[in-house]
Structure formats: C-alpha cells, structure tokens
Amino acid sequence: MKFGIVVNEGPYQHQASDTAYLFCKAAIAKGHEVWRVFFYHDGVNNASKLTEPPQDDRHIVNRWSKLAEEHGVDLVVCVAAALRRGIKDENLASGFRISGLGQLVEAGIQTDRTVVFGD
C-alpha cells in the first residue's frame, strides 16, 4: 500500500510528529511505501534545522531527515505555513523541501491512503 502522511503539529508540542514518524517506520518495515509526508500548520516546525533538543532527548528533525535519506520519502513543507513561522529554504533540515498545497492534493491522488496526524 502507498501512504501519504500529513503532520499538523510541531515536533515537541504534541505527540503527533512522533506517532507519524513511528507509523512511517512501521509501514516501511512491513513493505509498504510512504510516498510523501506533508508538513502543515505547526507541523512545519519539524523541518527546522535550528532545532537543538537536549542531548538526552530524541531529535525528531534528524529522524525525519534520516527517513528521507534511507527510504526516499518526499518531505514537503507547506510554503504559507512555513513563512508564517519564519521557516525559509535556508532554515530547512536535510531532506525537506518547501512547496505548496498542490503537493498535498497530489499525495491524496497518488496514494492509496492519506493519514493525518494532529489537529
């Protein structure tokens, strides 16, 4: 099965990003494809390379970057939501790219299921 994922919450304010990441890892481990992860609303904060969690905490941004690198997952950040939060191309972590809502629509068309994490 081919999945599209939407993440609407930031990396440390809510459980949604952790759950989305773990869902993606589990789906890939079971042989499914995660075609695109679309970060929307506060979810765009998952893409900031300026994130520096304490050493004893998980680094959610790096987890997403590694997922993209290892499995070719397309990590798309909503341009309007990103700009509202001060996130620009030069602030993006590895593996992320900024684009518009058309990428979310395309994910809904190209995938078998679109799963949304967060409000």
N, C-alpha and C. Protein backbone atom coordinates (compact mmCIF):
# COMPACT_ATOMS: atom_id res chain seq x y z
N MET A 1 0.84 -1.18 0.00
CA MET A 1 0.00 0.00 0.00
C MET A 1 0.88 1.24 0.00
N LYS A 2 0.44 2.26 -0.68
CA LYS A 2 1.17 3.52 -0.78
C LYS A 2 0.47 4.55 0.11
N PHE A 3 1.26 5.15 1.04
CA PHE A 3 0.71 6.11 2.01
C PHE A 3 1.17 7.53 1.73
N GLY A 4 0.26 8.45 1.96
CA GLY A 4 0.56 9.87 2.08
C GLY A 4 0.32 10.24 3.53
N ILE A 5 1.19 11.01 4.11
CA ILE A 5 1.10 11.36 5.53
C ILE A 5 1.02 12.88 5.65
N VAL A 6 0.17 13.35 6.56
CA VAL A 6 0.08 14.78 6.88
C VAL A 6 0.40 14.95 8.35
N VAL A 7 1.34 15.84 8.65
CA VAL A 7 1.71 16.14 10.04
C VAL A 7 1.36 17.60 10.31
N ASN A 8 0.43 17.81 11.25
CA ASN A 8 -0.08 19.15 11.55
C ASN A 8 0.46 19.75 12.84
N GLU A 9 1.28 19.04 13.57
CA GLU A 9 1.77 19.52 14.87
C GLU A 9 3.29 19.57 14.89
N GLY A 10 3.81 20.47 15.71
CA GLY A 10 5.25 20.63 15.86
C GLY A 10 5.90 19.45 16.53
N PRO A 11 7.22 19.39 16.50
CA PRO A 11 7.93 18.21 16.98
C PRO A 11 7.92 18.00 18.49
N TYR A 12 7.77 19.05 19.26
CA TYR A 12 7.88 18.86 20.71
C TYR A 12 6.66 19.35 21.49
N GLN A 13 5.65 19.89 20.81
CA GLN A 13 4.46 20.37 21.49
C GLN A 13 3.39 19.29 21.63
N HIS A 14 3.49 18.27 20.81
CA HIS A 14 2.41 17.31 20.67
C HIS A 14 2.99 15.96 20.26
N GLN A 15 2.28 14.92 20.49
CA GLN A 15 2.73 13.56 20.17
C GLN A 15 2.62 13.23 18.68
N ALA A 16 1.91 14.06 17.91
CA ALA A 16 1.60 13.74 16.52
C ALA A 16 2.82 13.45 15.66
N SER A 17 3.88 14.23 15.80
CA SER A 17 5.06 14.02 14.97
C SER A 17 5.75 12.69 15.29
N ASP A 18 5.89 12.41 16.56
CA ASP A 18 6.48 11.12 16.95
C ASP A 18 5.65 9.96 16.41
N THR A 19 4.34 10.06 16.56
CA THR A 19 3.45 8.99 16.11
C THR A 19 3.51 8.83 14.60
N ALA A 20 3.53 9.95 13.87
CA ALA A 20 3.62 9.90 12.41
C ALA A 20 4.92 9.23 11.98
N TYR A 21 6.01 9.62 12.62
CA TYR A 21 7.32 9.04 12.29
C TYR A 21 7.32 7.53 12.54
N LEU A 22 6.82 7.13 13.70
CA LEU A 22 6.79 5.70 14.03
C LEU A 22 5.86 4.93 13.10
N PHE A 23 4.76 5.55 12.69
CA PHE A 23 3.86 4.94 11.71
C PHE A 23 4.61 4.71 10.39
N CYS A 24 5.33 5.72 9.94
CA CYS A 24 6.09 5.60 8.70
C CYS A 24 7.11 4.47 8.78
N LYS A 25 7.85 4.43 9.87
CA LYS A 25 8.86 3.37 10.05
C LYS A 25 8.21 1.98 10.03
N ALA A 26 7.09 1.84 10.73
CA ALA A 26 6.40 0.55 10.78
C ALA A 26 5.85 0.16 9.40
N ALA A 27 5.28 1.12 8.69
CA ALA A 27 4.73 0.84 7.36
C ALA A 27 5.83 0.39 6.41
N ILE A 28 6.94 1.08 6.43
CA ILE A 28 8.07 0.72 5.56
C ILE A 28 8.61 -0.66 5.93
N ALA A 29 8.70 -0.93 7.24
CA ALA A 29 9.19 -2.24 7.70
C ALA A 29 8.28 -3.38 7.23
N LYS A 30 7.01 -3.10 7.05
CA LYS A 30 6.04 -4.12 6.59
C LYS A 30 5.93 -4.18 5.08
N GLY A 31 6.77 -3.41 4.38
CA GLY A 31 6.80 -3.48 2.94
C GLY A 31 5.92 -2.47 2.21
N HIS A 32 5.32 -1.55 2.94
CA HIS A 32 4.50 -0.51 2.33
C HIS A 32 5.40 0.65 1.90
N GLU A 33 4.85 1.55 1.12
CA GLU A 33 5.58 2.72 0.67
C GLU A 33 5.00 3.98 1.31
N VAL A 34 5.87 4.81 1.84
CA VAL A 34 5.47 6.14 2.29
C VAL A 34 5.93 7.08 1.20
N TRP A 35 4.98 7.54 0.40
CA TRP A 35 5.29 8.30 -0.81
C TRP A 35 5.63 9.75 -0.51
N ARG A 36 4.90 10.35 0.42
CA ARG A 36 5.16 11.75 0.78
C ARG A 36 4.66 12.01 2.19
N VAL A 37 5.41 12.85 2.91
CA VAL A 37 4.96 13.39 4.19
C VAL A 37 4.82 14.90 3.98
N PHE A 38 3.62 15.40 4.23
CA PHE A 38 3.34 16.83 4.05
C PHE A 38 3.21 17.47 5.43
N PHE A 39 4.05 18.45 5.70
CA PHE A 39 4.05 19.14 6.99
C PHE A 39 3.26 20.44 6.84
N TYR A 40 2.22 20.56 7.65
CA TYR A 40 1.27 21.66 7.52
C TYR A 40 1.04 22.29 8.89
N HIS A 41 0.51 23.49 8.93
CA HIS A 41 0.28 24.23 10.17
C HIS A 41 1.56 24.24 11.01
N ASP A 42 1.47 23.95 12.32
CA ASP A 42 2.67 23.93 13.17
C ASP A 42 3.60 22.76 12.83
N GLY A 43 3.12 21.84 12.04
CA GLY A 43 3.95 20.71 11.61
C GLY A 43 5.18 21.14 10.84
N VAL A 44 5.15 22.34 10.26
CA VAL A 44 6.32 22.82 9.51
C VAL A 44 7.54 22.96 10.41
N ASN A 45 7.33 23.09 11.70
CA ASN A 45 8.46 23.21 12.64
C ASN A 45 9.30 21.93 12.70
N ASN A 46 8.78 20.84 12.20
CA ASN A 46 9.55 19.60 12.12
C ASN A 46 10.70 19.70 11.14
N ALA A 47 10.68 20.71 10.29
CA ALA A 47 11.68 20.85 9.22
C ALA A 47 12.81 21.82 9.55
N SER A 48 12.77 22.43 10.71
CA SER A 48 13.76 23.47 11.03
C SER A 48 15.10 22.88 11.46
N LYS A 49 16.15 23.24 10.74
CA LYS A 49 17.48 22.77 11.12
C LYS A 49 18.01 23.52 12.34
N LEU A 50 17.27 24.51 12.82
CA LEU A 50 17.67 25.28 14.00
C LEU A 50 17.27 24.58 15.30
N THR A 51 16.57 23.46 15.19
CA THR A 51 16.13 22.70 16.36
C THR A 51 17.32 22.04 17.04
N GLU A 52 17.45 22.27 18.35
CA GLU A 52 18.54 21.65 19.12
C GLU A 52 17.99 21.12 20.45
N PRO A 53 17.48 19.89 20.45
CA PRO A 53 16.98 19.33 21.70
C PRO A 53 18.14 18.97 22.64
N PRO A 54 17.85 18.81 23.92
CA PRO A 54 18.89 18.38 24.86
C PRO A 54 19.49 17.03 24.41
N GLN A 55 20.72 16.77 24.83
CA GLN A 55 21.41 15.55 24.41
C GLN A 55 20.68 14.27 24.78
N ASP A 56 19.93 14.30 25.88
CA ASP A 56 19.25 13.08 26.32
C ASP A 56 17.85 12.94 25.74
N ASP A 57 17.47 13.80 24.80
CA ASP A 57 16.15 13.76 24.18
C ASP A 57 16.28 13.31 22.74
N ARG A 58 15.21 12.82 22.17
CA ARG A 58 15.22 12.41 20.77
C ARG A 58 15.26 13.65 19.88
N HIS A 59 15.90 13.54 18.73
CA HIS A 59 16.00 14.65 17.79
C HIS A 59 15.05 14.35 16.63
N ILE A 60 13.82 14.82 16.74
CA ILE A 60 12.77 14.46 15.79
C ILE A 60 13.11 14.93 14.38
N VAL A 61 13.66 16.12 14.25
CA VAL A 61 14.01 16.65 12.92
C VAL A 61 15.01 15.72 12.23
N ASN A 62 16.02 15.29 12.95
CA ASN A 62 17.01 14.37 12.37
C ASN A 62 16.40 13.03 12.00
N ARG A 63 15.41 12.59 12.78
CA ARG A 63 14.74 11.33 12.45
C ARG A 63 14.06 11.43 11.08
N TRP A 64 13.35 12.54 10.86
CA TRP A 64 12.69 12.74 9.56
C TRP A 64 13.72 12.80 8.44
N SER A 65 14.81 13.53 8.66
CA SER A 65 15.85 13.63 7.63
C SER A 65 16.42 12.26 7.28
N LYS A 66 16.66 11.45 8.28
CA LYS A 66 17.21 10.12 8.06
C LYS A 66 16.21 9.23 7.31
N LEU A 67 14.93 9.38 7.62
CA LEU A 67 13.90 8.61 6.92
C LEU A 67 13.91 8.95 5.43
N ALA A 68 14.03 10.22 5.11
CA ALA A 68 14.07 10.65 3.71
C ALA A 68 15.32 10.10 3.02
N GLU A 69 16.43 10.17 3.69
CA GLU A 69 17.70 9.71 3.12
C GLU A 69 17.70 8.20 2.88
N GLU A 70 17.24 7.44 3.86
CA GLU A 70 17.32 5.99 3.78
C GLU A 70 16.23 5.36 2.91
N HIS A 71 15.06 6.01 2.83
CA HIS A 71 13.93 5.37 2.15
C HIS A 71 13.34 6.21 1.02
N GLY A 72 13.95 7.34 0.72
CA GLY A 72 13.48 8.16 -0.39
C GLY A 72 12.12 8.80 -0.16
N VAL A 73 11.76 9.01 1.08
CA VAL A 73 10.47 9.64 1.40
C VAL A 73 10.55 11.13 1.08
N ASP A 74 9.55 11.62 0.37
CA ASP A 74 9.47 13.03 0.00
C ASP A 74 8.90 13.82 1.18
N LEU A 75 9.70 14.70 1.77
CA LEU A 75 9.28 15.51 2.91
C LEU A 75 8.98 16.92 2.42
N VAL A 76 7.70 17.28 2.39
CA VAL A 76 7.26 18.56 1.83
C VAL A 76 6.71 19.45 2.94
N VAL A 77 7.17 20.70 2.94
CA VAL A 77 6.76 21.69 3.94
C VAL A 77 5.88 22.72 3.24
N CYS A 78 4.71 22.98 3.79
CA CYS A 78 3.80 23.97 3.22
C CYS A 78 4.43 25.36 3.25
N VAL A 79 4.51 26.01 2.10
CA VAL A 79 5.19 27.30 1.99
C VAL A 79 4.50 28.37 2.82
N ALA A 80 3.19 28.46 2.78
CA ALA A 80 2.48 29.51 3.52
C ALA A 80 2.64 29.33 5.02
N ALA A 81 2.47 28.11 5.49
CA ALA A 81 2.62 27.83 6.92
C ALA A 81 4.06 28.06 7.37
N ALA A 82 5.01 27.70 6.52
CA ALA A 82 6.43 27.88 6.86
C ALA A 82 6.78 29.35 6.98
N LEU A 83 6.39 30.14 6.00
CA LEU A 83 6.73 31.57 6.03
C LEU A 83 6.11 32.27 7.23
N ARG A 84 4.88 31.88 7.60
CA ARG A 84 4.25 32.45 8.80
C ARG A 84 5.07 32.19 10.06
N ARG A 85 5.84 31.12 10.05
CA ARG A 85 6.61 30.73 11.23
C ARG A 85 8.11 31.00 11.06
N GLY A 86 8.47 31.76 10.04
CA GLY A 86 9.86 32.14 9.84
C GLY A 86 10.75 31.06 9.27
N ILE A 87 10.16 30.05 8.67
CA ILE A 87 10.95 28.97 8.10
C ILE A 87 11.09 29.21 6.60
N LYS A 88 12.33 29.30 6.15
CA LYS A 88 12.64 29.51 4.74
C LYS A 88 13.59 28.42 4.28
N ASP A 89 13.88 28.41 2.98
CA ASP A 89 14.76 27.36 2.43
C ASP A 89 16.07 27.24 3.20
N GLU A 90 16.65 28.36 3.59
CA GLU A 90 17.96 28.31 4.27
C GLU A 90 17.87 27.74 5.69
N ASN A 91 16.65 27.61 6.23
CA ASN A 91 16.46 27.06 7.58
C ASN A 91 16.08 25.58 7.55
N LEU A 92 15.91 25.01 6.37
CA LEU A 92 15.41 23.63 6.27
C LEU A 92 16.49 22.61 6.59
N ALA A 93 16.09 21.61 7.33
CA ALA A 93 16.96 20.47 7.60
C ALA A 93 17.09 19.64 6.33
N SER A 94 18.08 18.80 6.28
CA SER A 94 18.34 17.93 5.15
C SER A 94 17.12 17.06 4.83
N GLY A 95 16.80 16.93 3.55
CA GLY A 95 15.71 16.06 3.12
C GLY A 95 14.37 16.73 2.97
N PHE A 96 14.22 17.95 3.50
CA PHE A 96 12.96 18.67 3.42
C PHE A 96 12.99 19.63 2.24
N ARG A 97 11.81 19.93 1.70
CA ARG A 97 11.68 20.95 0.68
C ARG A 97 10.38 21.72 0.88
N ILE A 98 10.37 22.96 0.47
CA ILE A 98 9.19 23.81 0.60
C ILE A 98 8.41 23.78 -0.70
N SER A 99 7.09 23.64 -0.58
CA SER A 99 6.22 23.68 -1.76
C SER A 99 4.81 24.06 -1.30
N GLY A 100 3.87 24.01 -2.22
CA GLY A 100 2.51 24.46 -1.93
C GLY A 100 1.54 23.33 -1.65
N LEU A 101 0.28 23.72 -1.44
CA LEU A 101 -0.76 22.76 -1.13
C LEU A 101 -1.05 21.79 -2.27
N GLY A 102 -0.64 22.14 -3.46
CA GLY A 102 -0.80 21.21 -4.58
C GLY A 102 -0.12 19.88 -4.32
N GLN A 103 0.97 19.91 -3.55
CA GLN A 103 1.69 18.68 -3.19
C GLN A 103 0.84 17.79 -2.27
N LEU A 104 0.03 18.42 -1.43
CA LEU A 104 -0.88 17.67 -0.56
C LEU A 104 -1.99 17.03 -1.40
N VAL A 105 -2.54 17.80 -2.32
CA VAL A 105 -3.58 17.28 -3.21
C VAL A 105 -3.03 16.12 -4.04
N GLU A 106 -1.82 16.30 -4.58
CA GLU A 106 -1.20 15.24 -5.37
C GLU A 106 -1.01 13.97 -4.54
N ALA A 107 -0.62 14.13 -3.29
CA ALA A 107 -0.45 12.97 -2.41
C ALA A 107 -1.78 12.23 -2.24
N GLY A 108 -2.85 12.98 -2.10
CA GLY A 108 -4.17 12.36 -1.97
C GLY A 108 -4.58 11.59 -3.22
N ILE A 109 -4.14 12.05 -4.37
CA ILE A 109 -4.47 11.40 -5.64
C ILE A 109 -3.57 10.19 -5.89
N GLN A 110 -2.29 10.33 -5.61
CA GLN A 110 -1.30 9.31 -5.95
C GLN A 110 -1.20 8.15 -4.96
N THR A 111 -1.73 8.33 -3.77
CA THR A 111 -1.58 7.28 -2.74
C THR A 111 -2.90 6.53 -2.51
N ASP A 112 -2.77 5.38 -1.88
CA ASP A 112 -3.95 4.59 -1.54
C ASP A 112 -4.65 5.14 -0.31
N ARG A 113 -3.87 5.66 0.62
CA ARG A 113 -4.40 6.21 1.87
C ARG A 113 -3.63 7.45 2.25
N THR A 114 -4.34 8.43 2.79
CA THR A 114 -3.71 9.61 3.38
C THR A 114 -4.05 9.59 4.85
N VAL A 115 -3.03 9.60 5.68
CA VAL A 115 -3.22 9.52 7.13
C VAL A 115 -2.78 10.84 7.73
N VAL A 116 -3.64 11.43 8.56
CA VAL A 116 -3.38 12.74 9.15
C VAL A 116 -3.05 12.57 10.64
N PHE A 117 -1.97 13.23 11.07
CA PHE A 117 -1.55 13.21 12.46
C PHE A 117 -1.62 14.62 13.02
N GLY A 118 -2.37 14.82 14.08
CA GLY A 118 -2.55 16.13 14.71
C GLY A 118 -3.82 16.79 14.23
N ASP A 119 -4.20 17.82 14.96
CA ASP A 119 -5.46 18.52 14.64
C ASP A 119 -5.39 19.29 13.36
